[in-house]
């Protein structure tokens, strides 16, 4: 999975990368990759992408919570 550099960059506060996209093919001679972007293939130069790490979805752990507990869910209530 990679992120693709957005060009042209409008201002310093605009998002720099779009994605993530899946790599379908790498061409080392041309230094390019073919990405799957919204179901279509897109060609991009290797210098215009960066690697991204997909996070595992978190799942809720059932705790014995009081109905009167106003604190709600806390970070300890989630696990990877």
PDB file of N, CA and C in Angstrom:
ATOM      1  N   UNK A   1       0.847  -1.170   0.000  1.00  0.00           N
ATOM      2  CA  UNK A   1       0.000   0.000   0.000  1.00  0.00           C
ATOM      3  C   UNK A   1       0.896   1.237   0.000  1.00  0.00           C
ATOM      4  N   UNK A   2       0.534   2.195  -0.841  1.00  0.00           N
ATOM      5  CA  UNK A   2       1.311   3.428  -0.962  1.00  0.00           C
ATOM      6  C   UNK A   2       0.381   4.630  -1.004  1.00  0.00           C
ATOM      7  N   UNK A   3       0.954   5.781  -0.695  1.00  0.00           N
ATOM      8  CA  UNK A   3       0.265   7.062  -0.831  1.00  0.00           C
ATOM      9  C   UNK A   3       0.874   7.749  -2.047  1.00  0.00           C
ATOM     10  N   UNK A   4       0.044   8.503  -2.796  1.00  0.00           N
ATOM     11  CA  UNK A   4       0.481   9.167  -4.020  1.00  0.00           C
ATOM     12  C   UNK A   4       0.532  10.669  -3.783  1.00  0.00           C
ATOM     13  N   UNK A   5       1.642  11.300  -4.204  1.00  0.00           N
ATOM     14  CA  UNK A   5       1.819  12.738  -4.041  1.00  0.00           C
ATOM     15  C   UNK A   5       0.800  13.482  -4.888  1.00  0.00           C
ATOM     16  N   UNK A   6       0.135  14.448  -4.276  1.00  0.00           N
ATOM     17  CA  UNK A   6      -0.866  15.252  -4.969  1.00  0.00           C
ATOM     18  C   UNK A   6      -0.169  16.428  -5.640  1.00  0.00           C
ATOM     19  N   UNK A   7      -0.377  16.566  -6.951  1.00  0.00           N
ATOM     20  CA  UNK A   7       0.241  17.680  -7.673  1.00  0.00           C
ATOM     21  C   UNK A   7      -0.789  18.391  -8.511  1.00  0.00           C
ATOM     22  N   UNK A   8      -0.756  19.656  -8.713  1.00  0.00           N
ATOM     23  CA  UNK A   8       0.118  20.613  -8.047  1.00  0.00           C
ATOM     24  C   UNK A   8      -0.390  20.919  -6.641  1.00  0.00           C
ATOM     25  N   UNK A   9       0.516  21.266  -5.771  1.00  0.00           N
ATOM     26  CA  UNK A   9       0.160  21.618  -4.399  1.00  0.00           C
ATOM     27  C   UNK A   9      -0.283  23.069  -4.378  1.00  0.00           C
ATOM     28  N   UNK A  10      -1.513  23.315  -3.915  1.00  0.00           N
ATOM     29  CA  UNK A  10      -2.103  24.647  -3.986  1.00  0.00           C
ATOM     30  C   UNK A  10      -1.512  25.585  -2.933  1.00  0.00           C
ATOM     31  N   UNK A  11      -1.462  25.133  -1.683  1.00  0.00           N
ATOM     32  CA  UNK A  11      -0.870  25.945  -0.625  1.00  0.00           C
ATOM     33  C   UNK A  11      -0.264  25.030   0.431  1.00  0.00           C
ATOM     34  N   UNK A  12       0.364  25.631   1.425  1.00  0.00           N
ATOM     35  CA  UNK A  12       1.066  24.823   2.416  1.00  0.00           C
ATOM     36  C   UNK A  12       0.134  24.055   3.341  1.00  0.00           C
ATOM     37  N   UNK A  13      -1.145  24.393   3.367  1.00  0.00           N
ATOM     38  CA  UNK A  13      -2.089  23.717   4.249  1.00  0.00           C
ATOM     39  C   UNK A  13      -2.890  22.624   3.553  1.00  0.00           C
ATOM     40  N   UNK A  14      -2.733  22.482   2.256  1.00  0.00           N
ATOM     41  CA  UNK A  14      -3.470  21.448   1.532  1.00  0.00           C
ATOM     42  C   UNK A  14      -2.856  20.075   1.800  1.00  0.00           C
ATOM     43  N   UNK A  15      -3.662  19.034   1.623  1.00  0.00           N
ATOM     44  CA  UNK A  15      -3.169  17.674   1.829  1.00  0.00           C
ATOM     45  C   UNK A  15      -2.098  17.367   0.792  1.00  0.00           C
ATOM     46  N   UNK A  16      -1.032  16.719   1.255  1.00  0.00           N
ATOM     47  CA  UNK A  16       0.102  16.472   0.381  1.00  0.00           C
ATOM     48  C   UNK A  16      -0.034  15.161  -0.397  1.00  0.00           C
ATOM     49  N   UNK A  17      -0.658  14.147   0.219  1.00  0.00           N
ATOM     50  CA  UNK A  17      -0.763  12.827  -0.404  1.00  0.00           C
ATOM     51  C   UNK A  17      -2.216  12.365  -0.445  1.00  0.00           C
ATOM     52  N   UNK A  18      -2.528  11.495  -1.422  1.00  0.00           N
ATOM     53  CA  UNK A  18      -3.831  10.846  -1.500  1.00  0.00           C
ATOM     54  C   UNK A  18      -3.619   9.344  -1.409  1.00  0.00           C
ATOM     55  N   UNK A  19      -4.656   8.631  -1.086  1.00  0.00           N
ATOM     56  CA  UNK A  19      -4.524   7.174  -1.036  1.00  0.00           C
ATOM     57  C   UNK A  19      -5.087   6.608   0.230  1.00  0.00           C
ATOM     58  N   UNK A  20      -4.786   5.422   0.578  1.00  0.00           N
ATOM     59  CA  UNK A  20      -3.762   4.516   0.067  1.00  0.00           C
ATOM     60  C   UNK A  20      -4.221   3.758  -1.174  1.00  0.00           C
ATOM     61  N   UNK A  21      -3.238   3.389  -1.989  1.00  0.00           N
ATOM     62  CA  UNK A  21      -3.474   2.633  -3.211  1.00  0.00           C
ATOM     63  C   UNK A  21      -2.648   1.354  -3.194  1.00  0.00           C
ATOM     64  N   UNK A  22      -3.121   0.372  -3.911  1.00  0.00           N
ATOM     65  CA  UNK A  22      -2.429  -0.910  -4.000  1.00  0.00           C
ATOM     66  C   UNK A  22      -1.537  -0.911  -5.238  1.00  0.00           C
ATOM     67  N   UNK A  23      -0.324  -1.441  -5.099  1.00  0.00           N
ATOM     68  CA  UNK A  23       0.598  -1.538  -6.236  1.00  0.00           C
ATOM     69  C   UNK A  23       0.290  -2.818  -7.017  1.00  0.00           C
ATOM     70  N   UNK A  24       0.099  -2.656  -8.322  1.00  0.00           N
ATOM     71  CA  UNK A  24      -0.165  -3.812  -9.179  1.00  0.00           C
ATOM     72  C   UNK A  24       1.108  -4.312  -9.841  1.00  0.00           C
ATOM     73  N   UNK A  25       1.964  -3.387 -10.305  1.00  0.00           N
ATOM     74  CA  UNK A  25       3.184  -3.775 -11.016  1.00  0.00           C
ATOM     75  C   UNK A  25       4.250  -2.699 -10.812  1.00  0.00           C
ATOM     76  N   UNK A  26       5.520  -3.138 -10.721  1.00  0.00           N
ATOM     77  CA  UNK A  26       6.658  -2.218 -10.614  1.00  0.00           C
ATOM     78  C   UNK A  26       7.545  -2.412 -11.833  1.00  0.00           C
ATOM     79  N   UNK A  27       7.870  -1.311 -12.522  1.00  0.00           N
ATOM     80  CA  UNK A  27       8.775  -1.348 -13.668  1.00  0.00           C
ATOM     81  C   UNK A  27      10.070  -0.669 -13.243  1.00  0.00           C
ATOM     82  N   UNK A  28      11.123  -1.466 -12.992  1.00  0.00           N
ATOM     83  CA  UNK A  28      12.389  -0.920 -12.502  1.00  0.00           C
ATOM     84  C   UNK A  28      13.162  -0.173 -13.587  1.00  0.00           C
ATOM     85  N   UNK A  29      12.971  -0.518 -14.849  1.00  0.00           N
ATOM     86  CA  UNK A  29      13.675   0.165 -15.934  1.00  0.00           C
ATOM     87  C   UNK A  29      13.209   1.607 -16.081  1.00  0.00           C
ATOM     88  N   UNK A  30      11.901   1.842 -15.987  1.00  0.00           N
ATOM     89  CA  UNK A  30      11.342   3.190 -16.108  1.00  0.00           C
ATOM     90  C   UNK A  30      11.178   3.881 -14.757  1.00  0.00           C
ATOM     91  N   UNK A  31      11.456   3.159 -13.668  1.00  0.00           N
ATOM     92  CA  UNK A  31      11.252   3.647 -12.307  1.00  0.00           C
ATOM     93  C   UNK A  31       9.817   4.133 -12.114  1.00  0.00           C
ATOM     94  N   UNK A  32       8.887   3.270 -12.507  1.00  0.00           N
ATOM     95  CA  UNK A  32       7.477   3.610 -12.372  1.00  0.00           C
ATOM     96  C   UNK A  32       6.716   2.437 -11.769  1.00  0.00           C
ATOM     97  N   UNK A  33       5.522   2.734 -11.276  1.00  0.00           N
ATOM     98  CA  UNK A  33       4.638   1.716 -10.719  1.00  0.00           C
ATOM     99  C   UNK A  33       3.259   1.887 -11.332  1.00  0.00           C
ATOM    100  N   UNK A  34       2.523   0.803 -11.360  1.00  0.00           N
ATOM    101  CA  UNK A  34       1.123   0.861 -11.776  1.00  0.00           C
ATOM    102  C   UNK A  34       0.289   0.635 -10.527  1.00  0.00           C
ATOM    103  N   UNK A  35      -0.558   1.609 -10.202  1.00  0.00           N
ATOM    104  CA  UNK A  35      -1.387   1.572  -9.011  1.00  0.00           C
ATOM    105  C   UNK A  35      -2.827   1.268  -9.370  1.00  0.00           C
ATOM    106  N   UNK A  36      -3.543   0.625  -8.461  1.00  0.00           N
ATOM    107  CA  UNK A  36      -4.989   0.459  -8.611  1.00  0.00           C
ATOM    108  C   UNK A  36      -5.647   1.617  -7.884  1.00  0.00           C
ATOM    109  N   UNK A  37      -6.255   2.511  -8.654  1.00  0.00           N
ATOM    110  CA  UNK A  37      -6.849   3.730  -8.118  1.00  0.00           C
ATOM    111  C   UNK A  37      -8.324   3.777  -8.505  1.00  0.00           C
ATOM    112  N   UNK A  38      -9.187   3.545  -7.530  1.00  0.00           N
ATOM    113  CA  UNK A  38     -10.642   3.524  -7.752  1.00  0.00           C
ATOM    114  C   UNK A  38     -11.027   2.514  -8.830  1.00  0.00           C
ATOM    115  N   UNK A  39     -10.376   1.366  -8.833  1.00  0.00           N
ATOM    116  CA  UNK A  39     -10.703   0.319  -9.786  1.00  0.00           C
ATOM    117  C   UNK A  39     -10.031   0.465 -11.135  1.00  0.00           C
ATOM    118  N   UNK A  40      -9.312   1.564 -11.373  1.00  0.00           N
ATOM    119  CA  UNK A  40      -8.603   1.754 -12.635  1.00  0.00           C
ATOM    120  C   UNK A  40      -7.109   1.781 -12.373  1.00  0.00           C
ATOM    121  N   UNK A  41      -6.343   1.504 -13.424  1.00  0.00           N
ATOM    122  CA  UNK A  41      -4.890   1.506 -13.297  1.00  0.00           C
ATOM    123  C   UNK A  41      -4.352   2.903 -13.543  1.00  0.00           C
ATOM    124  N   UNK A  42      -3.376   3.299 -12.731  1.00  0.00           N
ATOM    125  CA  UNK A  42      -2.763   4.614 -12.829  1.00  0.00           C
ATOM    126  C   UNK A  42      -1.254   4.437 -12.769  1.00  0.00           C
ATOM    127  N   UNK A  43      -0.518   5.080 -13.667  1.00  0.00           N
ATOM    128  CA  UNK A  43       0.935   4.972 -13.693  1.00  0.00           C
ATOM    129  C   UNK A  43       1.531   6.165 -12.950  1.00  0.00           C
ATOM    130  N   UNK A  44       2.527   5.905 -12.084  1.00  0.00           N
ATOM    131  CA  UNK A  44       3.159   6.969 -11.309  1.00  0.00           C
ATOM    132  C   UNK A  44       4.650   6.683 -11.182  1.00  0.00           C
ATOM    133  N   UNK A  45       5.437   7.732 -11.067  1.00  0.00           N
ATOM    134  CA  UNK A  45       6.883   7.592 -10.869  1.00  0.00           C
ATOM    135  C   UNK A  45       7.158   7.194  -9.425  1.00  0.00           C
ATOM    136  N   UNK A  46       8.238   6.446  -9.223  1.00  0.00           N
ATOM    137  CA  UNK A  46       8.569   5.951  -7.887  1.00  0.00           C
ATOM    138  C   UNK A  46       8.824   7.096  -6.908  1.00  0.00           C
ATOM    139  N   UNK A  47       9.359   8.232  -7.392  1.00  0.00           N
ATOM    140  CA  UNK A  47       9.627   9.371  -6.521  1.00  0.00           C
ATOM    141  C   UNK A  47       8.349  10.046  -6.022  1.00  0.00           C
ATOM    142  N   UNK A  48       7.207   9.747  -6.627  1.00  0.00           N
ATOM    143  CA  UNK A  48       5.943  10.396  -6.267  1.00  0.00           C
ATOM    144  C   UNK A  48       5.098   9.576  -5.300  1.00  0.00           C
ATOM    145  N   UNK A  49       5.625   8.452  -4.791  1.00  0.00           N
ATOM    146  CA  UNK A  49       4.861   7.623  -3.860  1.00  0.00           C
ATOM    147  C   UNK A  49       5.644   7.446  -2.560  1.00  0.00           C
ATOM    148  N   UNK A  50       4.924   7.120  -1.512  1.00  0.00           N
ATOM    149  CA  UNK A  50       5.574   6.739  -0.265  1.00  0.00           C
ATOM    150  C   UNK A  50       4.786   5.590   0.345  1.00  0.00           C
ATOM    151  N   UNK A  51       5.488   4.757   1.078  1.00  0.00           N
ATOM    152  CA  UNK A  51       4.885   3.565   1.668  1.00  0.00           C
ATOM    153  C   UNK A  51       3.977   3.951   2.829  1.00  0.00           C
ATOM    154  N   UNK A  52       2.883   3.246   2.943  1.00  0.00           N
ATOM    155  CA  UNK A  52       1.973   3.457   4.060  1.00  0.00           C
ATOM    156  C   UNK A  52       1.706   2.117   4.732  1.00  0.00           C
ATOM    157  N   UNK A  53       1.367   2.178   5.986  1.00  0.00           N
ATOM    158  CA  UNK A  53       1.107   0.967   6.755  1.00  0.00           C
ATOM    159  C   UNK A  53      -0.356   0.965   7.161  1.00  0.00           C
ATOM    160  N   UNK A  54      -1.094  -0.017   6.681  1.00  0.00           N
ATOM    161  CA  UNK A  54      -2.509  -0.131   7.021  1.00  0.00           C
ATOM    162  C   UNK A  54      -2.630  -0.632   8.449  1.00  0.00           C
ATOM    163  N   UNK A  55      -3.529  -0.024   9.208  1.00  0.00           N
ATOM    164  CA  UNK A  55      -3.730  -0.435  10.580  1.00  0.00           C
ATOM    165  C   UNK A  55      -4.749  -1.559  10.635  1.00  0.00           C
ATOM    166  N   UNK A  56      -4.547  -2.442  11.609  1.00  0.00           N
ATOM    167  CA  UNK A  56      -5.520  -3.486  11.836  1.00  0.00           C
ATOM    168  C   UNK A  56      -6.766  -2.859  12.457  1.00  0.00           C
ATOM    169  N   UNK A  57      -7.953  -3.275  12.045  1.00  0.00           N
ATOM    170  CA  UNK A  57      -9.155  -2.735  12.690  1.00  0.00           C
ATOM    171  C   UNK A  57      -9.215  -3.176  14.151  1.00  0.00           C
ATOM    172  N   UNK A  58      -9.603  -2.249  14.999  1.00  0.00           N
ATOM    173  CA  UNK A  58      -9.693  -2.581  16.417  1.00  0.00           C
ATOM    174  C   UNK A  58     -11.068  -3.152  16.717  1.00  0.00           C
ATOM    175  N   UNK A  59     -11.129  -3.992  17.715  1.00  0.00           N
ATOM    176  CA  UNK A  59     -12.413  -4.556  18.117  1.00  0.00           C
ATOM    177  C   UNK A  59     -12.665  -4.202  19.576  1.00  0.00           C
ATOM    178  N   UNK A  60     -13.894  -4.033  19.918  1.00  0.00           N
ATOM    179  CA  UNK A  60     -14.300  -3.647  21.249  1.00  0.00           C
ATOM    180  C   UNK A  60     -14.275  -4.858  22.173  1.00  0.00           C
ATOM    181  N   UNK A  61     -13.706  -4.673  23.354  1.00  0.00           N
ATOM    182  CA  UNK A  61     -13.677  -5.722  24.361  1.00  0.00           C
ATOM    183  C   UNK A  61     -14.806  -5.445  25.334  1.00  0.00           C
ATOM    184  N   UNK A  62     -15.622  -6.442  25.586  1.00  0.00           N
ATOM    185  CA  UNK A  62     -16.748  -6.266  26.492  1.00  0.00           C
ATOM    186  C   UNK A  62     -16.257  -6.272  27.936  1.00  0.00           C
ATOM    187  N   UNK A  63     -16.480  -5.182  28.638  1.00  0.00           N
ATOM    188  CA  UNK A  63     -16.122  -5.065  30.044  1.00  0.00           C
ATOM    189  C   UNK A  63     -17.395  -5.058  30.872  1.00  0.00           C
ATOM    190  N   UNK A  64     -17.247  -5.349  32.156  1.00  0.00           N
ATOM    191  CA  UNK A  64     -18.375  -5.206  33.065  1.00  0.00           C
ATOM    192  C   UNK A  64     -18.487  -3.736  33.425  1.00  0.00           C
ATOM    193  N   UNK A  65     -19.295  -3.020  32.656  1.00  0.00           N
ATOM    194  CA  UNK A  65     -19.425  -1.585  32.877  1.00  0.00           C
ATOM    195  C   UNK A  65     -20.736  -1.306  33.607  1.00  0.00           C
ATOM    196  N   UNK A  66     -20.677  -0.383  34.518  1.00  0.00           N
ATOM    197  CA  UNK A  66     -21.858   0.072  35.222  1.00  0.00           C
ATOM    198  C   UNK A  66     -22.720   0.913  34.294  1.00  0.00           C
ATOM    199  N   UNK A  67     -24.007   0.800  34.397  1.00  0.00           N
ATOM    200  CA  UNK A  67     -24.878   1.643  33.594  1.00  0.00           C
ATOM    201  C   UNK A  67     -24.789   3.086  34.060  1.00  0.00           C
ATOM    202  N   UNK A  68     -24.385   3.293  35.299  1.00  0.00           N
ATOM    203  CA  UNK A  68     -24.281   4.642  35.846  1.00  0.00           C
ATOM    204  C   UNK A  68     -22.940   5.287  35.530  1.00  0.00           C
ATOM    205  N   UNK A  69     -22.040   4.545  34.900  1.00  0.00           N
ATOM    206  CA  UNK A  69     -20.717   5.079  34.596  1.00  0.00           C
ATOM    207  C   UNK A  69     -20.838   6.095  33.467  1.00  0.00           C
ATOM    208  N   UNK A  70     -20.568   7.362  33.761  1.00  0.00           N
ATOM    209  CA  UNK A  70     -20.685   8.436  32.772  1.00  0.00           C
ATOM    210  C   UNK A  70     -19.421   8.591  31.939  1.00  0.00           C
ATOM    211  N   UNK A  71     -18.363   7.901  32.308  1.00  0.00           N
ATOM    212  CA  UNK A  71     -17.092   8.074  31.605  1.00  0.00           C
ATOM    213  C   UNK A  71     -17.143   7.496  30.193  1.00  0.00           C
ATOM    214  N   UNK A  72     -17.997   6.534  29.949  1.00  0.00           N
ATOM    215  CA  UNK A  72     -18.098   5.938  28.617  1.00  0.00           C
ATOM    216  C   UNK A  72     -16.935   5.013  28.342  1.00  0.00           C
ATOM    217  N   UNK A  73     -16.637   4.822  27.072  1.00  0.00           N
ATOM    218  CA  UNK A  73     -15.562   3.920  26.682  1.00  0.00           C
ATOM    219  C   UNK A  73     -14.220   4.621  26.872  1.00  0.00           C
ATOM    220  N   UNK A  74     -13.256   3.878  27.338  1.00  0.00           N
ATOM    221  CA  UNK A  74     -11.906   4.397  27.522  1.00  0.00           C
ATOM    222  C   UNK A  74     -10.966   3.617  26.624  1.00  0.00           C
ATOM    223  N   UNK A  75      -9.743   4.111  26.533  1.00  0.00           N
ATOM    224  CA  UNK A  75      -8.752   3.474  25.680  1.00  0.00           C
ATOM    225  C   UNK A  75      -8.515   2.022  26.093  1.00  0.00           C
ATOM    226  N   UNK A  76      -8.582   1.718  27.350  1.00  0.00           N
ATOM    227  CA  UNK A  76      -8.341   0.343  27.820  1.00  0.00           C
ATOM    228  C   UNK A  76      -9.429  -0.618  27.362  1.00  0.00           C
ATOM    229  N   UNK A  77     -10.564  -0.101  26.891  1.00  0.00           N
ATOM    230  CA  UNK A  77     -11.667  -0.942  26.459  1.00  0.00           C
ATOM    231  C   UNK A  77     -11.477  -1.478  25.037  1.00  0.00           C
ATOM    232  N   UNK A  78     -10.406  -1.069  24.366  1.00  0.00           N
ATOM    233  CA  UNK A  78     -10.141  -1.518  23.009  1.00  0.00           C
ATOM    234  C   UNK A  78      -8.884  -2.365  22.990  1.00  0.00           C
ATOM    235  N   UNK A  79      -8.844  -3.323  22.097  1.00  0.00           N
ATOM    236  CA  UNK A  79      -7.625  -4.104  21.920  1.00  0.00           C
ATOM    237  C   UNK A  79      -7.400  -4.326  20.435  1.00  0.00           C
ATOM    238  N   UNK A  80      -6.170  -4.665  20.093  1.00  0.00           N
ATOM    239  CA  UNK A  80      -5.841  -4.907  18.680  1.00  0.00           C
ATOM    240  C   UNK A  80      -6.200  -6.308  18.272  1.00  0.00           C
TER     241      UNK A  80
END
